[in-house]
C-alpha atoms as a PDB file:
ATOM      1  CA  MET A   1     111.372  63.480 130.802  1.00  0.00           C
ATOM      2  CA  ARG A   2     112.095  65.141 127.334  1.00  0.00           C
ATOM      3  CA  ILE A   3     108.728  66.446 125.355  1.00  0.00           C
ATOM      4  CA  PHE A   4     108.533  68.220 122.667  1.00  0.00           C
ATOM      5  CA  THR A   5     106.409  71.525 122.266  1.00  0.00           C
ATOM      6  CA  GLY A   6     102.794  71.096 121.874  1.00  0.00           C
ATOM      7  CA  ALA A   7     103.073  67.148 123.351  1.00  0.00           C
ATOM      8  CA  ALA A   8     101.346  66.180 125.679  1.00  0.00           C
ATOM      9  CA  VAL A   9     102.668  66.338 129.731  1.00  0.00           C
ATOM     10  CA  PRO A  10     103.925  62.710 131.001  1.00  0.00           C
ATOM     11  CA  ARG A  11     101.245  61.266 133.604  1.00  0.00           C
ATOM     12  CA  GLY A  12     102.978  62.385 136.758  1.00  0.00           C
ATOM     13  CA  ALA A  13     104.587  65.790 135.834  1.00  0.00           C
ATOM     14  CA  ASP A  14     103.049  69.322 136.454  1.00  0.00           C
ATOM     15  CA  ALA A  15     105.969  71.389 135.073  1.00  0.00           C
ATOM     16  CA  VAL A  16     107.737  71.970 131.798  1.00  0.00           C
ATOM     17  CA  VAL A  17     111.430  72.872 131.916  1.00  0.00           C
ATOM     18  CA  ILE A  18     112.207  75.228 128.353  1.00  0.00           C
ATOM     19  CA  GLN A  19     115.033  73.034 126.615  1.00  0.00           C
ATOM     20  CA  GLU A  20     117.413  75.808 125.924  1.00  0.00           C
ATOM     21  CA  ASP A  21     116.976  77.233 129.573  1.00  0.00           C
ATOM     22  CA  ALA A  22     118.496  72.697 130.977  1.00  0.00           C
ATOM     23  CA  LYS A  23     122.229  72.381 131.385  1.00  0.00           C
ATOM     24  CA  ARG A  24     123.030  68.630 129.901  1.00  0.00           C
ATOM     25  CA  ASP A  25     126.554  67.068 131.537  1.00  0.00           C
ATOM     26  CA  GLY A  26     126.309  63.739 130.317  1.00  0.00           C
ATOM     27  CA  ASP A  27     123.319  61.404 131.862  1.00  0.00           C
ATOM     28  CA  ILE A  28     122.594  64.240 134.604  1.00  0.00           C
ATOM     29  CA  VAL A  29     120.572  67.528 133.273  1.00  0.00           C
ATOM     30  CA  ALA A  30     120.306  70.271 135.933  1.00  0.00           C
ATOM     31  CA  VAL A  31     116.953  72.472 135.321  1.00  0.00           C
ATOM     32  CA  PRO A  32     116.230  76.130 137.154  1.00  0.00           C
ATOM     33  CA  SER A  33     113.244  75.746 139.569  1.00  0.00           C
ATOM     34  CA  ALA A  34     110.395  75.337 138.663  1.00  0.00           C
ATOM     35  CA  LYS A  35     107.160  75.289 140.110  1.00  0.00           C
ATOM     36  CA  ALA A  36     103.716  73.442 139.128  1.00  0.00           C
ATOM     37  CA  GLY A  37     102.119  74.426 135.565  1.00  0.00           C
ATOM     38  CA  ASP A  38     104.916  76.194 133.866  1.00  0.00           C
ATOM     39  CA  ASN A  39     104.767  76.070 131.111  1.00  0.00           C
ATOM     40  CA  ILE A  40     101.629  73.480 130.223  1.00  0.00           C
ATOM     41  CA  ARG A  41      98.962  74.877 128.747  1.00  0.00           C
ATOM     42  CA  PRO A  42      95.353  73.450 129.909  1.00  0.00           C
ATOM     43  CA  THR A  43      93.761  71.187 127.490  1.00  0.00           C
ATOM     44  CA  GLY A  44      90.656  73.680 125.614  1.00  0.00           C
ATOM     45  CA  GLN A  45      92.748  77.081 126.536  1.00  0.00           C
ATOM     46  CA  ASP A  46      92.781  78.262 123.276  1.00  0.00           C
ATOM     47  CA  PHE A  47      88.891  76.719 122.597  1.00  0.00           C
ATOM     48  CA  ARG A  48      86.242  74.236 123.151  1.00  0.00           C
ATOM     49  CA  LYS A  49      83.754  72.062 121.381  1.00  0.00           C
ATOM     50  CA  GLY A  50      81.385  73.664 119.737  1.00  0.00           C
ATOM     51  CA  ASP A  51      82.893  76.986 119.962  1.00  0.00           C
ATOM     52  CA  LEU A  52      82.490  79.139 117.236  1.00  0.00           C
ATOM     53  CA  LEU A  53      85.672  80.064 115.529  1.00  0.00           C
ATOM     54  CA  LEU A  54      85.535  81.510 112.179  1.00  0.00           C
ATOM     55  CA  ARG A  55      82.094  83.437 111.476  1.00  0.00           C
ATOM     56  CA  ARG A  56      80.331  82.610 108.141  1.00  0.00           C
ATOM     57  CA  GLY A  57      81.839  85.186 104.852  1.00  0.00           C
ATOM     58  CA  SER A  58      85.194  84.997 107.184  1.00  0.00           C
ATOM     59  CA  ARG A  59      88.611  86.251 104.681  1.00  0.00           C
ATOM     60  CA  LEU A  60      90.418  83.371 105.162  1.00  0.00           C
ATOM     61  CA  ASP A  61      93.853  84.764 106.074  1.00  0.00           C
ATOM     62  CA  PRO A  62      97.034  82.861 107.774  1.00  0.00           C
ATOM     63  CA  TRP A  63      95.835  83.061 110.987  1.00  0.00           C
ATOM     64  CA  ARG A  64      91.896  82.173 110.551  1.00  0.00           C
ATOM     65  CA  LEU A  65      94.261  79.523 108.206  1.00  0.00           C
ATOM     66  CA  ALA A  66      96.267  78.121 111.199  1.00  0.00           C
ATOM     67  CA  LEU A  67      93.167  78.787 113.666  1.00  0.00           C
ATOM     68  CA  ALA A  68      90.948  76.199 111.157  1.00  0.00           C
ATOM     69  CA  ALA A  69      93.564  73.619 111.583  1.00  0.00           C
ATOM     70  CA  ALA A  70      94.726  73.552 114.641  1.00  0.00           C
ATOM     71  CA  ALA A  71      90.510  72.468 115.285  1.00  0.00           C
ATOM     72  CA  GLY A  72      91.617  69.547 113.062  1.00  0.00           C
ATOM     73  CA  LEU A  73      89.775  71.108 110.314  1.00  0.00           C
ATOM     74  CA  ALA A  74      91.188  69.259 106.753  1.00  0.00           C
ATOM     75  CA  ALA A  75      88.446  71.321 104.766  1.00  0.00           C
ATOM     76  CA  ILE A  76      86.569  74.377 105.037  1.00  0.00           C
ATOM     77  CA  PRO A  77      83.426  74.970 103.287  1.00  0.00           C
ATOM     78  CA  LEU A  78      84.219  78.129 100.311  1.00  0.00           C
ATOM     79  CA  SER A  79      82.204  81.433  98.581  1.00  0.00           C
ATOM     80  CA  ARG A  80      84.595  82.574  95.246  1.00  0.00           C
ATOM     81  CA  ARG A  81      85.994  86.532  95.288  1.00  0.00           C
ATOM     82  CA  PRO A  82      83.325  88.226  93.512  1.00  0.00           C
ATOM     83  CA  LYS A  83      84.258  88.906  90.511  1.00  0.00           C
ATOM     84  CA  VAL A  84      83.618  92.981  88.767  1.00  0.00           C
ATOM     85  CA  ALA A  85      83.897  94.485  85.823  1.00  0.00           C
ATOM     86  CA  ILE A  86      83.747  97.735  86.134  1.00  0.00           C
ATOM     87  CA  LEU A  87      83.267 100.833  83.173  1.00  0.00           C
ATOM     88  CA  ALA A  88      83.315 103.639  82.881  1.00  0.00           C
ATOM     89  CA  THR A  89      81.440 105.972  80.873  1.00  0.00           C
ATOM     90  CA  GLY A  90      81.678 109.269  79.674  1.00  0.00           C
ATOM     91  CA  GLU A  91      82.994 111.363  76.262  1.00  0.00           C
ATOM     92  CA  GLU A  92      84.968 113.328  78.381  1.00  0.00           C
ATOM     93  CA  ILE A  93      87.065 110.223  80.174  1.00  0.00           C
ATOM     94  CA  VAL A  94      90.882 108.992  79.486  1.00  0.00           C
ATOM     95  CA  PRO A  95      92.538 106.225  80.488  1.00  0.00           C
ATOM     96  CA  PRO A  96      95.269 108.049  83.177  1.00  0.00           C
ATOM     97  CA  GLY A  97      98.519 108.736  80.593  1.00  0.00           C
ATOM     98  CA  THR A  98      96.892 109.405  77.781  1.00  0.00           C
ATOM     99  CA  PRO A  99      96.921 113.268  76.421  1.00  0.00           C
ATOM    100  CA  PRO A 100      93.046 114.746  77.948  1.00  0.00           C
ATOM    101  CA  GLY A 101      92.108 117.193  75.170  1.00  0.00           C
ATOM    102  CA  PRO A 102      90.017 120.393  76.340  1.00  0.00           C
ATOM    103  CA  PHE A 103      87.156 119.362  79.291  1.00  0.00           C
ATOM    104  CA  GLN A 104      88.159 115.396  78.935  1.00  0.00           C
ATOM    105  CA  ILE A 105      89.404 114.179  82.544  1.00  0.00           C
ATOM    106  CA  PHE A 106      91.609 111.440  83.482  1.00  0.00           C
ATOM    107  CA  ASN A 107      90.102 108.116  84.949  1.00  0.00           C
ATOM    108  CA  SER A 108      89.656 107.673  87.972  1.00  0.00           C
ATOM    109  CA  GLY A 109      87.299 106.004  89.459  1.00  0.00           C
ATOM    110  CA  SER A 110      88.118 102.332  87.231  1.00  0.00           C
ATOM    111  CA  VAL A 111      91.370 103.126  89.695  1.00  0.00           C
ATOM    112  CA  VAL A 112      90.051 102.927  92.990  1.00  0.00           C
ATOM    113  CA  LEU A 113      87.072 101.039  92.350  1.00  0.00           C
ATOM    114  CA  ALA A 114      89.537  98.259  90.795  1.00  0.00           C
ATOM    115  CA  ALA A 115      91.734  98.978  94.259  1.00  0.00           C
ATOM    116  CA  LEU A 116      88.838  98.916  96.250  1.00  0.00           C
ATOM    117  CA  VAL A 117      86.647  95.317  94.902  1.00  0.00           C
ATOM    118  CA  ARG A 118      90.888  94.009  95.797  1.00  0.00           C
ATOM    119  CA  ALA A 119      91.171  95.475  98.676  1.00  0.00           C
ATOM    120  CA  TRP A 120      87.743  93.856  99.534  1.00  0.00           C
ATOM    121  CA  GLY A 121      88.732  90.236  98.331  1.00  0.00           C
ATOM    122  CA  GLY A 122      87.110  90.002  94.876  1.00  0.00           C
ATOM    123  CA  GLU A 123      88.738  90.773  91.942  1.00  0.00           C
ATOM    124  CA  ALA A 124      88.291  93.304  89.320  1.00  0.00           C
ATOM    125  CA  LEU A 125      88.202  94.005  85.728  1.00  0.00           C
ATOM    126  CA  ALA A 126      87.895  97.384  84.602  1.00  0.00           C
ATOM    127  CA  LEU A 127      86.552  97.454  81.337  1.00  0.00           C
ATOM    128  CA  ASP A 128      88.129  99.797  78.620  1.00  0.00           C
ATOM    129  CA  ILE A 129      85.964 103.292  78.697  1.00  0.00           C
ATOM    130  CA  ALA A 130      82.866 103.867  76.715  1.00  0.00           C
ATOM    131  CA  GLY A 131      81.213 106.481  75.202  1.00  0.00           C
ATOM    132  CA  ASP A 132      77.433 108.032  76.505  1.00  0.00           C
ATOM    133  CA  SER A 133      75.725 106.373  74.339  1.00  0.00           C
ATOM    134  CA  VAL A 134      73.516 102.895  74.850  1.00  0.00           C
ATOM    135  CA  GLU A 135      75.054 102.064  71.912  1.00  0.00           C
ATOM    136  CA  ALA A 136      78.726 102.784  73.121  1.00  0.00           C
ATOM    137  CA  ILE A 137      77.399 101.653  76.654  1.00  0.00           C
ATOM    138  CA  ALA A 138      75.610  97.633  75.704  1.00  0.00           C
ATOM    139  CA  ALA A 139      78.502  97.530  72.879  1.00  0.00           C
ATOM    140  CA  ALA A 140      81.747  97.740  75.942  1.00  0.00           C
ATOM    141  CA  ALA A 141      79.293  95.261  78.043  1.00  0.00           C
ATOM    142  CA  LYS A 142      78.756  92.303  76.130  1.00  0.00           C
ATOM    143  CA  VAL A 143      82.715  91.596  75.357  1.00  0.00           C
ATOM    144  CA  PRO A 144      82.951  88.513  74.204  1.00  0.00           C
ATOM    145  CA  TRP A 145      86.786  87.774  75.534  1.00  0.00           C
ATOM    146  CA  ILE A 146      85.250  88.544  79.417  1.00  0.00           C
ATOM    147  CA  SER A 147      85.632  84.398  81.008  1.00  0.00           C
ATOM    148  CA  TRP A 148      86.057  84.165  84.555  1.00  0.00           C
END
């Protein structure tokens, strides 16, 4: 009997032959020798009822989404990705690509922090560099156009 990948094995069958290994000539099908259990995956081989498949806080990548689908889950409770605003401060800091003045350095901190936030699954927003005064920092932190 012909079945397709993932189908239930018919009653009385104890092996499956991969169709590419079978040769058909009209109504006759020649198959290589097969032994009991060949190409059959027992029920519960992947996981069993009650198995922990995904830990809370797991990042959902294609593999984990496929695992959830294989378990029959149509929906998974999720948390939003964290959103992080990055504010570099200091009169000595200038954006990369800007000619530095005397005693100034490039803002590498915001670049690396934004990359780390993204690598860890968050959304990063690098704000403009703020001066050293309390007023400048407070003004930079109260940006009205930040809408998450």
